Structure formats: structure tokens, C-alpha cells
Protein backbone atom coordinates (compact mmCIF):
# COMPACT_ATOMS: atom_id res chain seq x y z
CA MET A 1 0.00 0.00 0.00
CA LYS A 2 1.53 3.29 -1.09
CA ARG A 3 1.16 6.13 1.43
CA THR A 4 0.43 9.72 0.53
CA GLY A 5 2.40 12.58 2.09
CA LEU A 6 -0.50 13.24 4.48
CA GLN A 7 -0.59 9.60 5.60
CA SER A 8 3.15 9.55 6.23
CA GLY A 9 2.87 12.84 8.12
CA ILE A 10 0.10 11.46 10.33
CA LEU A 11 2.16 8.33 11.05
CA TYR A 12 5.24 10.39 11.96
CA ALA A 13 3.17 12.76 14.13
CA PHE A 14 1.54 9.82 15.94
CA THR A 15 4.96 8.25 16.58
CA ALA A 16 6.42 11.56 17.81
CA VAL A 17 3.49 12.21 20.17
CA LEU A 18 3.73 8.67 21.54
CA ALA A 19 7.49 9.01 22.12
CA LEU A 20 7.01 12.38 23.80
CA ALA A 21 4.22 11.04 26.01
CA LEU A 22 6.36 8.10 27.10
CA THR A 23 9.26 10.38 28.06
CA ALA A 24 6.90 12.66 30.00
CA LEU A 25 5.48 9.84 32.11
CA PRO A 26 6.52 9.74 35.77
CA GLN A 27 9.26 7.25 36.63
CA SER A 28 6.76 4.82 38.19
CA ALA A 29 4.76 4.64 34.93
CA ARG A 30 7.89 3.85 32.95
CA ALA A 31 8.55 0.83 35.18
CA TYR A 32 6.24 -1.27 33.01
CA GLY A 33 7.97 -4.37 31.73
CA LEU A 34 7.13 -7.03 29.17
CA SER A 35 4.98 -9.69 30.81
CA GLY A 36 3.84 -11.59 27.73
CA VAL A 37 3.13 -11.82 24.02
CA GLY A 38 0.22 -13.40 22.21
CA GLY A 39 -2.40 -13.36 19.53
CA MET A 40 -6.12 -13.14 18.92
CA VAL A 41 -8.63 -14.33 16.35
CA GLY A 42 -12.16 -13.13 16.03
CA TYR A 43 -15.05 -11.87 13.99
CA SER A 44 -15.27 -8.20 12.98
CA THR A 45 -18.11 -6.29 11.37
CA PRO A 46 -16.65 -3.22 9.65
CA GLN A 47 -19.21 -0.50 8.93
CA ASP A 48 -21.01 -0.93 5.56
CA LEU A 49 -19.07 -4.17 4.83
CA ASP A 50 -19.72 -7.87 5.41
CA GLY A 51 -18.46 -9.46 8.62
CA THR A 52 -15.06 -11.12 8.43
CA ALA A 53 -12.35 -12.91 10.37
CA SER A 54 -9.76 -10.72 12.05
CA VAL A 55 -6.35 -11.55 13.50
CA SER A 56 -3.96 -9.66 15.72
CA VAL A 57 -0.73 -9.98 17.65
CA HIS A 58 0.10 -8.16 20.87
CA ALA A 59 2.62 -7.57 23.60
CA GLU A 60 1.54 -7.05 27.19
CA LEU A 61 3.34 -4.66 29.50
CA GLU A 62 2.64 -4.44 33.21
CA GLN A 63 4.05 -3.05 36.39
CA PRO A 64 4.16 -5.61 39.24
CA GLY A 65 1.39 -5.10 41.76
CA THR A 66 -0.88 -3.04 39.51
CA ARG A 67 -4.03 -3.95 37.62
CA LEU A 68 -3.35 -1.68 34.66
CA HIS A 69 -1.79 -3.25 31.56
CA LEU A 70 -0.47 -1.58 28.41
CA VAL A 71 -1.07 -3.55 25.22
CA PRO A 72 0.55 -2.46 21.96
CA ASN A 73 -0.96 -4.56 19.18
CA MET A 74 -1.42 -4.91 15.42
CA MET A 75 -4.78 -5.96 13.94
CA TYR A 76 -5.74 -7.05 10.40
CA TRP A 77 -8.92 -7.84 8.50
CA ASN A 78 -9.80 -8.12 4.80
CA VAL A 79 -13.32 -8.27 3.31
CA ASP A 80 -15.09 -7.19 0.11
CA ARG A 81 -11.74 -6.02 -1.37
CA VAL A 82 -11.20 -3.65 1.58
CA ARG A 83 -8.45 -4.32 4.13
CA ASP A 84 -7.30 -2.66 7.33
CA VAL A 85 -3.94 -2.90 9.07
CA ALA A 86 -4.16 -1.17 12.44
CA PRO A 87 -1.33 -0.60 14.94
CA ASN A 88 -2.88 0.28 18.33
CA LEU A 89 -1.80 1.27 21.81
CA ASP A 90 -4.43 0.05 24.26
CA ALA A 91 -4.62 -0.13 28.04
CA TYR A 92 -6.91 -2.23 30.20
CA TYR A 93 -7.77 -2.50 33.88
CA HIS A 94 -8.69 -5.84 35.46
CA PHE A 95 -10.92 -5.89 38.54
CA ARG A 96 -9.65 -8.95 40.44
CA PRO A 97 -6.16 -10.34 41.16
CA GLU A 98 -4.50 -11.97 38.16
CA SER A 99 -4.49 -15.39 39.81
CA LYS A 100 -8.30 -15.58 39.33
CA TRP A 101 -10.56 -15.10 36.34
CA THR A 102 -11.34 -11.42 36.10
CA PRO A 103 -13.38 -9.01 33.99
CA TYR A 104 -11.58 -6.05 32.43
CA VAL A 105 -12.32 -2.79 30.61
CA GLY A 106 -10.03 -0.70 28.48
CA GLY A 107 -9.46 1.71 25.67
CA GLY A 108 -6.83 3.12 23.40
CA LEU A 109 -5.86 4.77 20.16
CA GLY A 110 -4.78 3.36 16.85
CA LEU A 111 -4.17 4.14 13.22
CA ASN A 112 -6.25 2.41 10.57
CA PHE A 113 -4.40 1.98 7.28
CA VAL A 114 -7.34 1.14 5.03
CA HIS A 115 -6.95 0.12 1.40
CA ASP A 116 -10.07 -0.13 -0.78
CA ALA A 117 -9.19 -2.11 -3.92
CA ARG A 118 -12.66 -1.44 -5.38
CA VAL A 119 -11.64 2.17 -6.06
CA GLU A 120 -7.83 1.83 -5.65
CA GLN A 121 -7.77 4.23 -2.74
CA SER A 122 -5.84 4.15 0.54
CA ASN A 123 -6.29 6.33 3.58
CA THR A 124 -5.15 6.56 7.19
CA ASP A 125 -7.61 7.24 9.99
CA LEU A 126 -7.23 7.71 13.71
CA GLY A 127 -9.31 5.19 15.65
CA VAL A 128 -10.56 5.22 19.23
CA ASN A 129 -10.81 1.74 20.79
CA MET A 130 -13.11 0.64 23.61
CA MET A 131 -13.04 -2.91 24.93
CA GLY A 132 -14.21 -5.21 27.67
CA GLY A 133 -13.75 -8.88 28.40
CA VAL A 134 -12.79 -11.64 30.78
CA VAL A 135 -9.29 -13.05 31.46
CA PHE A 136 -8.89 -16.73 32.44
CA PRO A 137 -5.41 -17.31 33.90
CA THR A 138 -3.49 -20.58 34.02
CA SER A 139 -0.14 -21.20 35.69
CA ALA A 140 1.91 -20.21 32.61
CA ASN A 141 -0.43 -18.23 30.32
CA HIS A 142 -3.81 -16.58 30.19
CA TYR A 143 -6.76 -16.85 27.84
CA PHE A 144 -9.38 -14.21 27.24
CA ILE A 145 -12.53 -13.32 25.37
CA GLU A 146 -13.10 -9.71 24.39
CA GLY A 147 -15.68 -7.44 22.82
CA ARG A 148 -14.25 -4.38 21.07
CA TYR A 149 -15.56 -1.27 19.34
CA THR A 150 -13.35 0.95 17.17
CA ALA A 151 -14.67 4.38 16.20
CA SER A 152 -13.02 5.61 12.97
CA ASP A 153 -14.00 6.34 9.36
CA ILE A 154 -14.84 2.64 9.08
CA SER A 155 -16.11 1.86 12.59
CA GLN A 156 -15.91 -1.79 13.65
CA VAL A 157 -17.42 -4.11 16.23
CA SER A 158 -15.42 -7.25 17.05
CA LEU A 159 -15.72 -10.34 19.22
CA ARG A 160 -12.33 -11.96 19.75
CA THR A 161 -10.61 -14.65 21.75
CA GLY A 162 -6.92 -15.02 22.39
CA MET A 163 -4.00 -16.15 24.46
CA THR A 164 -1.04 -14.42 26.07
CA PHE A 165 2.13 -16.42 26.68
CA HIS A 166 3.77 -15.03 29.81
CA THR A 167 7.51 -14.32 29.70
CA PRO A 168 9.64 -15.71 32.53
């Protein structure tokens, strides 16, 4: 997918703002470390398109003793000759200790790199993510089921399931 100057500018601006925000965080917020990596599969219903399978990969960052997790991720779907590749930075809060199943809620921001092959057009949109789900921990990993809504030029509703492999 070839980017226009505006799309590249938006990507660079998003990266610069993210880097600046991370350097401005208090020391305790920067103490987040990698706790796992994983993937998700699900069903997405992009606005004005047919429903389709979606896949994503993610890393999970956490600070020991907190219930807030940072989750950078990359999502993809392709339907009706329209595809979306979306890097996101999400955060979620779980309500119970991680050793037990727990509901969670979260949100985040992402960029949607949409290519519509029907009209040979590509564009980049900012997306706002809202999510909620349930985490089911095991001794080495955790599984989850999640509902997600992304508000953007092509808004999407998704139901996904996934797994996070915890790092030692």
C-alpha cells in the first residue's frame, strides 16, 4: 500500500506524540515491563461491509502489583476487497487479582491503514478503541474473550478470543 504525504505525516506525528508522552510519564509509569506476548482471532463487522475474520498480535506490559496493563498490538482484516492494518496502543484494567478469572475494561488509540481495492484508494484514519472482556489465567499463560468497538472512518465491532504467553 503506497502512502500519501499526508498519511506519512500522520504516522510520523503519531509516533512523535507517543514518544514524547512516554518520556513525560513519571518514573513509576515507565517501570512497566514485558509480561507476555500473544495473539487473537475473532469476527469483525466493519461498517457498511460484510463481517469477516480478524487476526492480531500483541505484547503485554505491566508493572508488578498493579491492575493496569499496556497492550501495543497490530490488527488485520480483509473483506469485500477492503483491508485494514491497524497498529494500536491500548490499556486495560482488570478488577480482580491476576491469579483468578477477572473481567476487564479498556481503551486506546490506533491508526487504521485502510486500502479499498474497489476504487484503488488508501487512507489513514485515527481510531478510538473501547473494549471489555474476561481473562482466564493458568499457571503459565492466560486466555481471554473480548468485545471491542473501534470508532473511525470505518467503525468496527469485534468479538475476539486469544492467548497471552507469559515471559519468565
